[in-house]
N, C-alpha and C. Protein backbone atom coordinates (compact mmCIF):
# COMPACT_ATOMS: atom_id res chain seq x y z
N MET A 1 135.83 109.52 106.95
CA MET A 1 135.87 108.31 107.74
C MET A 1 134.08 108.02 107.80
N THR A 2 133.79 106.77 107.22
CA THR A 2 132.21 106.37 107.43
C THR A 2 132.12 105.79 108.91
N PRO A 3 131.07 106.66 109.58
CA PRO A 3 130.63 106.49 110.90
C PRO A 3 129.92 105.23 110.88
N ARG A 4 130.54 104.37 112.16
CA ARG A 4 129.78 102.97 112.35
C ARG A 4 128.43 102.98 113.05
N SER A 5 128.54 104.07 113.93
CA SER A 5 127.57 104.23 114.97
C SER A 5 126.89 105.72 114.92
N LEU A 6 125.54 105.80 114.61
CA LEU A 6 124.88 107.09 114.60
C LEU A 6 123.97 107.24 115.84
N LEU A 7 123.93 108.39 116.28
CA LEU A 7 123.15 108.63 117.45
C LEU A 7 122.32 109.90 117.13
N PHE A 8 120.91 109.78 117.03
CA PHE A 8 120.06 110.88 116.45
C PHE A 8 119.56 111.35 118.02
N VAL A 9 119.76 112.74 117.86
CA VAL A 9 119.31 113.81 118.94
C VAL A 9 118.57 114.84 118.33
N PRO A 10 117.35 114.96 119.25
CA PRO A 10 116.40 116.00 118.75
C PRO A 10 117.20 117.39 118.67
N GLY A 11 117.02 118.17 117.63
CA GLY A 11 117.54 119.46 117.59
C GLY A 11 116.92 120.54 118.51
N ASP A 12 115.76 120.29 119.10
CA ASP A 12 115.39 121.46 120.02
C ASP A 12 115.58 121.02 121.21
N SER A 13 116.66 120.20 121.59
CA SER A 13 116.96 119.91 123.11
C SER A 13 118.36 120.34 123.54
N ASP A 14 118.67 121.23 124.16
CA ASP A 14 119.95 121.70 124.45
C ASP A 14 120.54 120.44 125.14
N ARG A 15 119.75 120.07 126.35
CA ARG A 15 120.32 118.94 127.28
C ARG A 15 120.59 117.73 126.22
N LYS A 16 119.78 117.30 125.40
CA LYS A 16 120.19 116.19 124.82
C LYS A 16 121.23 116.27 123.69
N LEU A 17 121.41 117.55 123.07
CA LEU A 17 122.64 117.54 122.20
C LEU A 17 123.92 117.63 123.09
N ALA A 18 124.01 118.05 124.30
CA ALA A 18 124.87 118.24 125.19
C ALA A 18 125.59 116.88 125.34
N ARG A 19 124.39 116.01 125.82
CA ARG A 19 124.71 114.49 126.30
C ARG A 19 124.98 113.78 125.29
N GLY A 20 124.36 114.24 123.95
CA GLY A 20 124.94 113.46 122.61
C GLY A 20 126.39 113.47 122.21
N ALA A 21 126.97 114.71 122.56
CA ALA A 21 128.31 115.21 122.31
C ALA A 21 129.33 114.00 123.08
N ASP A 22 128.65 113.70 124.24
CA ASP A 22 129.42 112.94 125.05
C ASP A 22 129.33 111.39 124.84
N SER A 23 128.51 111.04 124.02
CA SER A 23 128.19 109.71 123.87
C SER A 23 129.13 108.78 123.54
N GLY A 24 129.94 109.12 122.72
CA GLY A 24 130.90 108.19 122.24
C GLY A 24 130.64 107.57 120.79
N ALA A 25 129.28 108.23 120.21
CA ALA A 25 128.87 107.61 119.05
C ALA A 25 129.93 108.12 117.96
N ASP A 26 129.93 107.58 116.80
CA ASP A 26 130.91 107.99 115.78
C ASP A 26 130.33 109.36 115.13
N ALA A 27 129.17 109.34 114.97
CA ALA A 27 128.28 110.54 114.55
C ALA A 27 127.11 110.83 115.28
N LEU A 28 126.96 112.13 115.38
CA LEU A 28 125.77 112.59 116.24
C LEU A 28 124.94 113.41 115.14
N ILE A 29 123.76 112.93 114.72
CA ILE A 29 122.84 113.25 114.08
C ILE A 29 121.86 114.34 114.60
N ILE A 30 121.74 115.66 114.27
CA ILE A 30 120.93 116.47 114.86
C ILE A 30 119.80 116.31 114.01
N ASP A 31 118.52 116.00 114.64
CA ASP A 31 117.36 115.88 113.93
C ASP A 31 116.54 117.05 113.89
N LEU A 32 116.32 117.27 112.55
CA LEU A 32 115.26 118.51 112.77
C LEU A 32 113.92 117.92 111.89
N GLU A 33 113.85 116.87 111.89
CA GLU A 33 112.62 115.98 111.19
C GLU A 33 111.64 115.47 112.15
N ASP A 34 111.54 114.20 112.21
CA ASP A 34 110.54 113.47 113.12
C ASP A 34 110.66 113.75 114.80
N ALA A 35 111.82 114.17 115.03
CA ALA A 35 112.14 114.36 116.68
C ALA A 35 111.48 115.75 117.09
N VAL A 36 111.17 116.60 115.94
CA VAL A 36 111.01 117.95 116.51
C VAL A 36 109.36 118.31 115.92
N ALA A 37 108.48 118.91 117.09
CA ALA A 37 107.26 119.29 116.59
C ALA A 37 107.30 120.26 115.65
N ALA A 38 106.41 120.69 115.09
CA ALA A 38 106.13 121.50 113.76
C ALA A 38 106.42 122.97 114.31
N ASP A 39 105.96 123.20 115.40
CA ASP A 39 106.00 124.30 116.08
C ASP A 39 107.59 124.74 116.78
N ALA A 40 108.21 123.86 116.75
CA ALA A 40 109.65 123.93 117.42
C ALA A 40 110.58 124.00 116.30
N LYS A 41 110.15 123.63 115.26
CA LYS A 41 111.54 123.62 113.94
C LYS A 41 112.19 124.86 113.80
N ALA A 42 111.72 126.08 113.83
CA ALA A 42 112.25 127.21 113.60
C ALA A 42 113.46 127.31 114.87
N ALA A 43 113.20 127.12 115.92
CA ALA A 43 113.89 127.15 117.14
C ALA A 43 114.99 126.19 117.17
N ALA A 44 114.72 124.92 116.56
CA ALA A 44 115.45 123.72 116.41
C ALA A 44 116.52 124.15 115.44
N ARG A 45 116.29 124.78 114.40
CA ARG A 45 117.24 125.10 113.39
C ARG A 45 118.19 125.93 113.90
N VAL A 46 118.07 127.10 114.70
CA VAL A 46 118.71 127.90 115.59
C VAL A 46 119.74 127.27 116.60
N ARG A 47 119.19 126.42 117.10
CA ARG A 47 120.02 125.45 118.02
C ARG A 47 120.98 124.73 117.37
N ALA A 48 120.55 124.10 116.26
CA ALA A 48 121.36 123.33 115.58
C ALA A 48 122.63 124.00 114.97
N SER A 49 122.38 125.14 114.37
CA SER A 49 123.26 125.84 113.75
C SER A 49 124.27 126.46 115.02
N GLU A 50 123.78 126.81 116.07
CA GLU A 50 124.75 127.18 117.21
C GLU A 50 125.54 126.00 117.78
N PHE A 51 124.88 124.68 117.84
CA PHE A 51 125.52 123.56 118.30
C PHE A 51 126.93 123.49 117.35
N LEU A 52 126.44 123.50 116.16
CA LEU A 52 127.47 123.05 114.98
C LEU A 52 128.71 124.16 115.08
N ARG A 53 128.37 125.28 115.30
CA ARG A 53 129.42 126.58 115.42
C ARG A 53 130.11 126.22 116.75
N ALA A 54 129.42 125.75 117.75
CA ALA A 54 130.26 125.74 119.03
C ALA A 54 131.30 124.57 118.85
N HIS A 55 131.01 123.66 118.23
CA HIS A 55 131.56 122.34 117.96
C HIS A 55 132.42 122.05 116.86
N ALA A 56 132.83 123.47 116.31
CA ALA A 56 133.66 123.35 114.86
C ALA A 56 135.01 123.15 114.82
N GLY A 57 135.61 123.24 116.24
CA GLY A 57 136.97 122.54 116.31
C GLY A 57 137.15 121.16 116.20
N GLU A 58 138.19 120.44 116.78
CA GLU A 58 138.44 119.24 116.76
C GLU A 58 137.33 118.70 117.77
N ARG A 59 136.74 117.78 117.27
CA ARG A 59 135.64 116.86 117.91
C ARG A 59 135.67 115.42 117.70
N SER A 60 135.23 114.53 118.72
CA SER A 60 135.35 113.12 118.76
C SER A 60 134.25 112.47 117.74
N ALA A 61 133.23 113.06 117.42
CA ALA A 61 132.22 112.68 116.77
C ALA A 61 131.85 113.55 115.38
N GLN A 62 131.50 112.88 114.51
CA GLN A 62 131.12 113.80 113.28
C GLN A 62 129.82 114.43 113.65
N LEU A 63 129.46 115.51 113.09
CA LEU A 63 128.39 116.18 113.19
C LEU A 63 127.34 116.22 111.93
N TRP A 64 126.25 115.66 111.74
CA TRP A 64 125.41 115.55 110.92
C TRP A 64 124.08 116.36 111.13
N VAL A 65 123.32 116.66 110.17
CA VAL A 65 121.79 117.23 110.48
C VAL A 65 120.92 116.14 109.53
N ARG A 66 119.82 115.85 110.01
CA ARG A 66 118.64 115.17 109.41
C ARG A 66 117.75 116.31 109.37
N ILE A 67 117.54 116.71 107.99
CA ILE A 67 116.58 117.51 107.51
C ILE A 67 115.17 117.04 107.30
N ASN A 68 114.39 117.72 107.12
CA ASN A 68 113.01 117.44 106.59
C ASN A 68 113.05 117.06 105.15
N PRO A 69 112.01 116.27 104.79
CA PRO A 69 112.00 115.95 103.39
C PRO A 69 112.34 116.77 102.25
N LEU A 70 112.94 116.48 101.46
CA LEU A 70 113.47 117.48 100.27
C LEU A 70 112.49 118.16 99.68
N ASP A 71 111.20 117.63 99.57
CA ASP A 71 110.35 118.29 98.57
C ASP A 71 109.20 119.02 99.66
N THR A 72 109.76 119.43 100.64
CA THR A 72 109.13 120.41 101.75
C THR A 72 109.80 121.69 101.82
N ALA A 73 108.97 122.59 102.04
CA ALA A 73 109.84 124.21 102.38
C ALA A 73 110.51 124.02 103.68
N GLU A 74 110.26 123.00 104.58
CA GLU A 74 111.01 122.94 105.63
C GLU A 74 112.51 122.57 105.38
N ALA A 75 112.69 121.74 104.36
CA ALA A 75 114.06 121.38 104.05
C ALA A 75 114.88 122.54 103.64
N GLN A 76 114.38 123.42 102.75
CA GLN A 76 115.05 124.51 102.34
C GLN A 76 115.45 125.40 103.49
N ALA A 77 114.57 125.53 104.51
CA ALA A 77 114.90 126.39 105.76
C ALA A 77 115.98 125.67 106.51
N ASP A 78 115.92 124.44 106.49
CA ASP A 78 116.93 123.62 107.38
C ASP A 78 118.29 123.69 106.60
N LEU A 79 118.47 123.72 105.62
CA LEU A 79 119.68 123.77 104.89
C LEU A 79 120.19 125.27 104.91
N ALA A 80 119.14 126.16 104.87
CA ALA A 80 119.82 127.58 105.12
C ALA A 80 120.10 127.75 106.34
N ALA A 81 119.64 127.04 107.23
CA ALA A 81 120.11 127.42 108.66
C ALA A 81 121.45 126.85 109.01
N VAL A 82 121.72 125.69 108.38
CA VAL A 82 123.06 124.89 108.96
C VAL A 82 124.13 124.89 108.05
N VAL A 83 123.96 125.00 106.66
CA VAL A 83 125.13 124.88 105.77
C VAL A 83 126.52 125.66 106.27
N ALA A 84 126.04 126.87 106.53
CA ALA A 84 126.90 127.87 106.92
C ALA A 84 128.11 127.41 108.07
N ALA A 85 127.10 126.49 109.00
CA ALA A 85 127.70 126.16 110.09
C ALA A 85 128.80 124.88 109.95
N ARG A 86 128.89 124.47 108.77
CA ARG A 86 129.65 123.20 108.34
C ARG A 86 129.41 121.88 108.85
N PRO A 87 128.18 121.51 108.80
CA PRO A 87 128.07 120.17 109.08
C PRO A 87 128.79 119.26 108.40
N ASP A 88 128.95 117.90 108.97
CA ASP A 88 129.87 116.86 108.05
C ASP A 88 129.05 116.32 107.07
N GLY A 89 127.46 116.24 107.21
CA GLY A 89 126.73 115.84 106.45
C GLY A 89 125.47 116.08 106.63
N ILE A 90 124.66 115.72 105.62
CA ILE A 90 123.04 115.74 105.83
C ILE A 90 122.46 114.49 105.69
N VAL A 91 121.70 114.27 106.58
CA VAL A 91 120.77 112.81 106.35
C VAL A 91 119.53 113.14 105.77
N LEU A 92 119.14 112.48 104.77
CA LEU A 92 117.91 112.82 103.84
C LEU A 92 117.00 111.78 103.98
N PRO A 93 115.95 112.31 104.80
CA PRO A 93 114.89 111.30 105.05
C PRO A 93 113.74 111.12 103.84
N LYS A 94 113.29 110.14 103.79
CA LYS A 94 112.03 110.01 102.91
C LYS A 94 112.58 110.20 101.51
N THR A 95 113.75 109.67 100.95
CA THR A 95 114.30 109.86 99.92
C THR A 95 113.33 108.88 98.63
N ARG A 96 113.39 109.48 97.49
CA ARG A 96 112.60 108.76 96.75
C ARG A 96 113.34 108.01 95.54
N SER A 97 114.51 108.61 95.23
CA SER A 97 115.42 107.99 94.26
C SER A 97 116.70 108.73 94.18
N ALA A 98 117.61 108.22 93.51
CA ALA A 98 118.89 109.02 93.36
C ALA A 98 118.71 110.45 92.94
N ASP A 99 117.76 110.89 92.40
CA ASP A 99 117.45 112.12 91.83
C ASP A 99 117.41 113.17 93.08
N ASP A 100 116.92 112.70 94.26
CA ASP A 100 116.78 113.59 95.35
C ASP A 100 118.00 113.81 95.89
N VAL A 101 118.97 112.69 95.74
CA VAL A 101 120.50 113.00 96.31
C VAL A 101 121.20 114.12 95.39
N ILE A 102 121.02 113.77 93.92
CA ILE A 102 121.34 114.77 93.08
C ILE A 102 120.97 116.08 93.51
N GLY A 103 119.51 116.28 93.60
CA GLY A 103 119.18 117.52 93.74
C GLY A 103 119.59 118.06 95.19
N LEU A 104 119.69 117.46 96.03
CA LEU A 104 120.16 118.19 97.52
C LEU A 104 121.70 118.25 97.29
N GLY A 105 122.61 117.58 96.58
CA GLY A 105 123.97 117.95 96.27
C GLY A 105 123.96 119.32 95.52
N GLN A 106 123.17 119.54 94.53
CA GLN A 106 123.12 120.83 93.79
C GLN A 106 122.80 122.02 94.77
N LEU A 107 121.74 121.82 95.79
CA LEU A 107 121.39 122.82 96.63
C LEU A 107 122.63 123.12 97.35
N LEU A 108 123.39 122.09 97.98
CA LEU A 108 124.31 122.32 99.01
C LEU A 108 125.43 122.91 98.26
N GLY A 109 125.62 122.65 96.99
CA GLY A 109 126.74 123.42 96.42
C GLY A 109 126.50 124.81 96.19
N ALA A 110 125.28 125.10 95.84
CA ALA A 110 124.99 126.81 95.86
C ALA A 110 125.07 127.10 97.19
N LEU A 111 124.68 126.56 98.38
CA LEU A 111 124.69 127.09 99.68
C LEU A 111 126.31 127.15 100.19
N GLU A 112 127.02 126.18 99.71
CA GLU A 112 128.37 126.00 100.27
C GLU A 112 128.89 127.23 99.43
N GLN A 113 128.84 127.48 98.18
CA GLN A 113 129.53 128.68 97.76
C GLN A 113 129.05 129.80 98.26
N ARG A 114 127.85 130.25 98.51
CA ARG A 114 127.37 131.40 99.08
C ARG A 114 127.98 131.68 100.60
N SER A 115 128.16 130.52 101.27
CA SER A 115 128.54 130.56 102.59
C SER A 115 130.11 130.32 102.82
N GLU A 116 131.00 130.22 101.71
CA GLU A 116 132.38 130.02 101.49
C GLU A 116 132.70 128.71 102.34
N VAL A 117 132.12 127.77 102.31
CA VAL A 117 132.21 126.28 102.80
C VAL A 117 132.88 125.69 101.60
N ALA A 118 133.80 124.76 101.76
CA ALA A 118 134.41 124.13 100.59
C ALA A 118 133.55 123.22 99.81
N GLN A 119 133.56 123.35 98.56
CA GLN A 119 132.64 122.75 97.66
C GLN A 119 132.93 121.19 97.78
N GLY A 120 131.57 120.69 98.05
CA GLY A 120 131.62 119.05 98.00
C GLY A 120 132.06 118.46 99.46
N SER A 121 132.18 119.62 100.32
CA SER A 121 132.48 118.95 101.88
C SER A 121 131.53 118.42 102.59
N ILE A 122 130.21 118.81 102.27
CA ILE A 122 129.10 118.33 102.98
C ILE A 122 128.44 116.98 102.43
N ARG A 123 128.66 115.85 102.96
CA ARG A 123 128.29 114.73 102.56
C ARG A 123 126.83 114.37 102.60
N ILE A 124 126.16 113.44 101.90
CA ILE A 124 124.71 113.07 102.04
C ILE A 124 124.70 111.52 102.49
N LEU A 125 123.68 111.20 103.31
CA LEU A 125 123.36 109.93 103.80
C LEU A 125 121.88 109.74 103.58
N PRO A 126 121.27 109.30 102.67
CA PRO A 126 119.88 109.14 102.33
C PRO A 126 119.27 107.91 103.17
N VAL A 127 118.22 108.19 103.71
CA VAL A 127 117.28 106.95 104.35
C VAL A 127 116.60 106.41 103.11
N ALA A 128 117.20 105.48 102.74
CA ALA A 128 116.68 105.01 101.05
C ALA A 128 115.60 104.03 101.17
N THR A 129 114.83 103.77 102.32
CA THR A 129 113.93 102.75 102.21
C THR A 129 112.51 103.25 102.80
N GLU A 130 112.45 104.65 102.89
CA GLU A 130 111.21 105.01 103.49
C GLU A 130 110.03 105.40 102.59
N THR A 131 110.29 105.22 101.34
CA THR A 131 109.00 105.46 100.44
C THR A 131 109.21 104.11 99.37
N PRO A 132 107.99 103.70 98.98
CA PRO A 132 107.92 102.66 98.30
C PRO A 132 108.68 102.86 96.89
N GLU A 133 108.75 104.04 96.13
CA GLU A 133 109.26 104.08 95.10
C GLU A 133 110.85 103.92 95.21
N ALA A 134 111.26 104.35 96.35
CA ALA A 134 112.79 104.39 96.38
C ALA A 134 113.55 102.70 96.51
N ILE A 135 112.60 101.83 96.94
CA ILE A 135 112.69 100.47 97.11
C ILE A 135 113.07 99.74 95.71
N PHE A 136 112.21 100.37 94.86
CA PHE A 136 112.47 99.97 93.41
C PHE A 136 113.59 100.73 92.72
N ALA A 137 114.10 101.44 93.26
CA ALA A 137 115.17 102.22 92.58
C ALA A 137 116.70 102.31 93.44
N LEU A 138 116.71 101.31 94.16
CA LEU A 138 117.80 101.18 95.05
C LEU A 138 119.13 101.00 94.32
N GLY A 139 119.02 100.30 93.27
CA GLY A 139 120.24 100.12 92.34
C GLY A 139 120.81 101.36 91.66
N ASP A 140 120.03 102.11 91.42
CA ASP A 140 120.17 103.59 90.80
C ASP A 140 120.92 104.67 91.57
N PHE A 141 121.24 104.38 92.71
CA PHE A 141 121.64 105.21 93.63
C PHE A 141 123.12 105.07 93.33
N ARG A 142 123.75 104.37 92.58
CA ARG A 142 125.14 104.55 92.19
C ARG A 142 125.57 105.61 91.41
N ARG A 143 124.40 106.20 90.83
CA ARG A 143 124.78 107.38 90.24
C ARG A 143 124.41 108.76 91.01
N ALA A 144 124.43 108.44 92.21
CA ALA A 144 124.10 109.82 92.94
C ALA A 144 124.92 110.57 93.27
N GLY A 145 126.28 110.21 92.88
CA GLY A 145 127.46 111.40 92.86
C GLY A 145 128.43 111.20 94.11
N PRO A 146 129.44 112.06 94.08
CA PRO A 146 130.30 111.60 95.10
C PRO A 146 130.18 112.12 96.54
N ARG A 147 128.91 113.15 96.63
CA ARG A 147 128.60 113.18 98.16
C ARG A 147 128.01 112.11 98.91
N LEU A 148 127.58 111.22 98.04
CA LEU A 148 126.94 110.11 98.72
C LEU A 148 127.88 109.37 99.65
N LEU A 149 127.71 109.22 100.92
CA LEU A 149 128.57 108.71 101.81
C LEU A 149 128.07 107.01 101.78
N GLY A 150 126.81 106.74 101.58
CA GLY A 150 126.34 105.39 101.77
C GLY A 150 124.87 105.64 101.75
N MET A 151 124.06 104.39 102.09
CA MET A 151 122.63 104.57 102.21
C MET A 151 122.28 103.77 103.68
N THR A 152 121.09 104.37 104.19
CA THR A 152 120.84 103.71 105.42
C THR A 152 119.42 103.18 105.15
N TRP A 153 118.88 102.57 105.94
CA TRP A 153 117.45 101.98 105.94
C TRP A 153 116.54 102.34 107.13
N GLY A 154 115.28 102.24 107.11
CA GLY A 154 114.28 102.30 108.29
C GLY A 154 113.04 101.66 107.89
N ALA A 155 112.54 101.27 108.75
CA ALA A 155 111.10 100.55 108.49
C ALA A 155 109.84 101.38 108.87
N GLU A 156 110.10 102.31 109.85
CA GLU A 156 108.60 102.84 110.36
C GLU A 156 107.96 103.86 109.31
N ASP A 157 108.85 104.69 108.67
CA ASP A 157 108.23 105.44 107.51
C ASP A 157 107.57 104.73 106.46
N LEU A 158 108.19 103.66 105.93
CA LEU A 158 107.80 102.86 104.97
C LEU A 158 106.52 102.04 105.19
N SER A 159 106.21 101.57 106.65
CA SER A 159 105.18 101.22 106.96
C SER A 159 103.88 101.93 106.86
N ALA A 160 104.06 103.49 107.33
CA ALA A 160 103.36 104.41 107.27
C ALA A 160 102.92 104.73 105.66
N ALA A 161 103.85 104.57 104.97
CA ALA A 161 103.69 105.00 103.51
C ALA A 161 102.93 103.78 102.81
N ILE A 162 102.93 102.49 103.19
CA ILE A 162 102.32 101.66 102.37
C ILE A 162 101.05 101.06 103.38
N GLY A 163 100.82 101.62 104.48
CA GLY A 163 99.43 101.16 105.13
C GLY A 163 99.74 99.95 105.99
N ALA A 164 101.17 99.72 106.08
CA ALA A 164 101.16 98.26 106.81
C ALA A 164 100.78 98.33 108.53
N SER A 165 100.11 97.36 108.83
CA SER A 165 99.76 97.40 110.19
C SER A 165 100.82 96.85 111.32
N ALA A 166 101.91 96.14 110.58
CA ALA A 166 103.04 95.60 111.36
C ALA A 166 104.11 95.47 110.57
N ASN A 167 105.39 95.67 111.02
CA ASN A 167 106.35 95.18 110.46
C ASN A 167 107.42 94.08 110.92
N ARG A 168 106.73 93.73 111.92
CA ARG A 168 107.52 92.62 112.81
C ARG A 168 106.72 91.60 113.06
N GLU A 169 107.40 90.33 113.06
CA GLU A 169 106.58 89.00 113.61
C GLU A 169 106.60 89.25 115.04
N ALA A 170 105.87 88.14 115.63
CA ALA A 170 105.68 88.16 116.85
C ALA A 170 106.94 87.86 117.82
N ASP A 171 107.79 87.27 117.23
CA ASP A 171 109.25 87.24 117.78
C ASP A 171 110.06 88.26 117.65
N GLY A 172 109.72 89.21 117.17
CA GLY A 172 110.60 90.45 116.79
C GLY A 172 111.25 90.60 115.54
N SER A 173 111.17 89.35 114.85
CA SER A 173 111.96 89.27 113.55
C SER A 173 111.08 90.19 112.65
N TRP A 174 111.81 90.78 111.17
CA TRP A 174 111.02 91.55 110.39
C TRP A 174 110.04 90.71 109.60
N THR A 175 108.97 91.22 109.29
CA THR A 175 108.16 90.33 108.28
C THR A 175 108.88 90.36 106.90
N GLN A 176 108.52 89.55 106.19
CA GLN A 176 109.14 89.18 104.77
C GLN A 176 109.33 90.19 103.97
N PRO A 177 108.33 91.35 103.82
CA PRO A 177 108.69 92.47 102.98
C PRO A 177 110.12 93.22 103.53
N TYR A 178 109.74 93.47 104.73
CA TYR A 178 111.08 94.20 105.49
C TYR A 178 112.35 93.57 105.70
N GLN A 179 112.19 92.10 105.40
CA GLN A 179 113.45 91.46 105.33
C GLN A 179 114.07 91.81 103.86
N LEU A 180 113.17 91.63 102.88
CA LEU A 180 113.63 92.12 101.66
C LEU A 180 114.22 93.36 101.34
N VAL A 181 113.44 94.37 101.98
CA VAL A 181 114.00 95.78 101.96
C VAL A 181 115.34 95.81 102.65
N ARG A 182 115.49 95.23 103.75
CA ARG A 182 116.76 95.40 104.29
C ARG A 182 117.96 94.61 103.53
N ALA A 183 117.49 93.50 102.99
CA ALA A 183 118.66 92.75 102.31
C ALA A 183 119.17 93.76 101.28
N LEU A 184 117.76 94.25 100.38
CA LEU A 184 118.52 95.10 99.25
C LEU A 184 119.25 96.31 99.64
């Protein structure tokens, strides 16, 4: 099932994880990236794995993990910590192209095999608009493979990547570049 509502919860907060589980969202995204300070990432990985294992049975929400960008060492550590705990999927931030999704799928395959998790069971949801190069490659995501659940967008990291001073007009609507990105 494709989740309609996603709730991002910092992976380093037991209280917020517990509250998130009761939120009614279709998917709880355990965030190991932006919501967690660098010095708390190792502890957040442990909490995320423990939370996934504690909620391994029937649950009302899917459980996903937003890892750190694929081209960082943090991403490898994130995946090593959570794959054996069987998340429903991985949210991939700062995706540059379909190649990132394909590469993550290969990493997941190896980790699933090592952890005796069903091959291909962990899906991928890339944030496909956080890097300028990804915007020009959006049509190419169709070749990303069967793990690809969909694509999502975000404007804040793109703003930082391109040096934009704002992404919204005075009335709160998106500026023209972000309207285009969202439409794509």
